[in-house]
Amino acid sequence: MLHLPLGEQQFVPLERLSAGSNTFTEEQTRKNYASASGLAVPSDPASSKLLIHPLAPEAGGDLFHSGGRQFETKE
């Protein structure tokens, strides 16, 4: 999931939920998809920032991921 608490700088510029809403509008969803899809490289998944960023550094991930280490390996 690509998200950060309110007020923190975002790695991916995502639309925020509207006040009082618990779902995204179709327009917000389209914008979020467009932002996130720029991080994926279907022809070369190993270079996709979307996939590499949450990996542990030992598995080739970035040194820092504010959401913690989501995956210890690429397996």
Protein backbone atom coordinates (compact mmCIF):
# COMPACT_ATOMS: atom_id res chain seq x y z
CA MET A 1 0.00 0.00 0.00
CA LEU A 2 1.29 3.45 -0.85
CA HIS A 3 0.36 5.77 1.95
CA LEU A 4 1.67 8.05 4.64
CA PRO A 5 0.05 9.67 7.66
CA LEU A 6 -1.44 13.09 7.04
CA GLY A 7 1.23 15.80 6.97
CA GLU A 8 4.19 13.61 6.01
CA GLN A 9 5.88 13.96 2.63
CA GLN A 10 4.75 11.29 0.24
CA PHE A 11 6.95 9.04 -1.86
CA VAL A 12 4.13 8.85 -4.41
CA PRO A 13 1.75 11.79 -4.79
CA LEU A 14 -1.56 10.10 -3.97
CA GLU A 15 -4.97 11.63 -3.72
CA ARG A 16 -6.29 11.80 -0.17
CA LEU A 17 -9.72 10.63 0.88
CA SER A 18 -12.29 13.39 0.97
CA ALA A 19 -13.28 14.52 4.46
CA GLY A 20 -15.75 12.07 5.97
CA SER A 21 -15.31 9.52 3.19
CA ASN A 22 -13.99 6.00 3.53
CA THR A 23 -13.70 5.29 -0.20
CA PHE A 24 -12.04 7.02 -3.13
CA THR A 25 -14.01 8.51 -6.00
CA GLU A 26 -13.46 7.11 -9.49
CA GLU A 27 -11.43 10.23 -10.39
CA GLN A 28 -9.24 9.88 -7.28
CA THR A 29 -8.71 6.20 -8.07
CA ARG A 30 -7.65 7.01 -11.63
CA LYS A 31 -5.17 9.64 -10.40
CA ASN A 32 -3.72 7.26 -7.80
CA TYR A 33 -3.36 4.53 -10.40
CA ALA A 34 -1.57 6.92 -12.77
CA SER A 35 0.84 7.98 -10.00
CA ALA A 36 1.63 4.45 -8.85
CA SER A 37 1.88 2.93 -12.31
CA GLY A 38 4.85 5.16 -13.07
CA LEU A 39 6.80 3.19 -10.46
CA ALA A 40 6.23 -0.20 -12.07
CA VAL A 41 8.28 -1.55 -14.98
CA PRO A 42 6.32 -4.55 -16.33
CA SER A 43 9.14 -5.57 -18.66
CA ASP A 44 11.70 -5.47 -15.80
CA PRO A 45 10.09 -6.07 -12.38
CA ALA A 46 13.52 -6.09 -10.69
CA SER A 47 13.88 -2.39 -11.48
CA SER A 48 10.34 -1.43 -10.38
CA LYS A 49 10.57 1.08 -7.53
CA LEU A 50 7.12 -0.08 -6.43
CA LEU A 51 8.48 -3.58 -5.80
CA ILE A 52 12.01 -2.76 -4.63
CA HIS A 53 11.29 0.00 -2.10
CA PRO A 54 9.63 -2.17 0.61
CA LEU A 55 12.22 -4.97 0.33
CA ALA A 56 14.78 -5.49 3.07
CA PRO A 57 18.18 -4.02 2.06
CA GLU A 58 19.67 -7.54 2.09
CA ALA A 59 17.19 -8.46 -0.67
CA GLY A 60 18.03 -5.40 -2.76
CA GLY A 61 15.60 -2.93 -1.21
CA ASP A 62 16.18 0.69 -0.26
CA LEU A 63 18.00 1.50 2.97
CA PHE A 64 14.96 3.32 4.35
CA HIS A 65 11.25 2.56 4.05
CA SER A 66 8.99 4.52 6.39
CA GLY A 67 6.43 1.71 6.30
CA GLY A 68 8.94 -0.80 7.61
CA ARG A 69 10.30 -3.87 5.90
CA GLN A 70 7.33 -5.52 4.28
CA PHE A 71 9.31 -8.26 2.52
CA GLU A 72 12.53 -9.95 3.63
CA THR A 73 13.17 -11.62 0.26
CA LYS A 74 12.03 -11.43 -3.37
CA GLU A 75 10.59 -14.96 -3.09
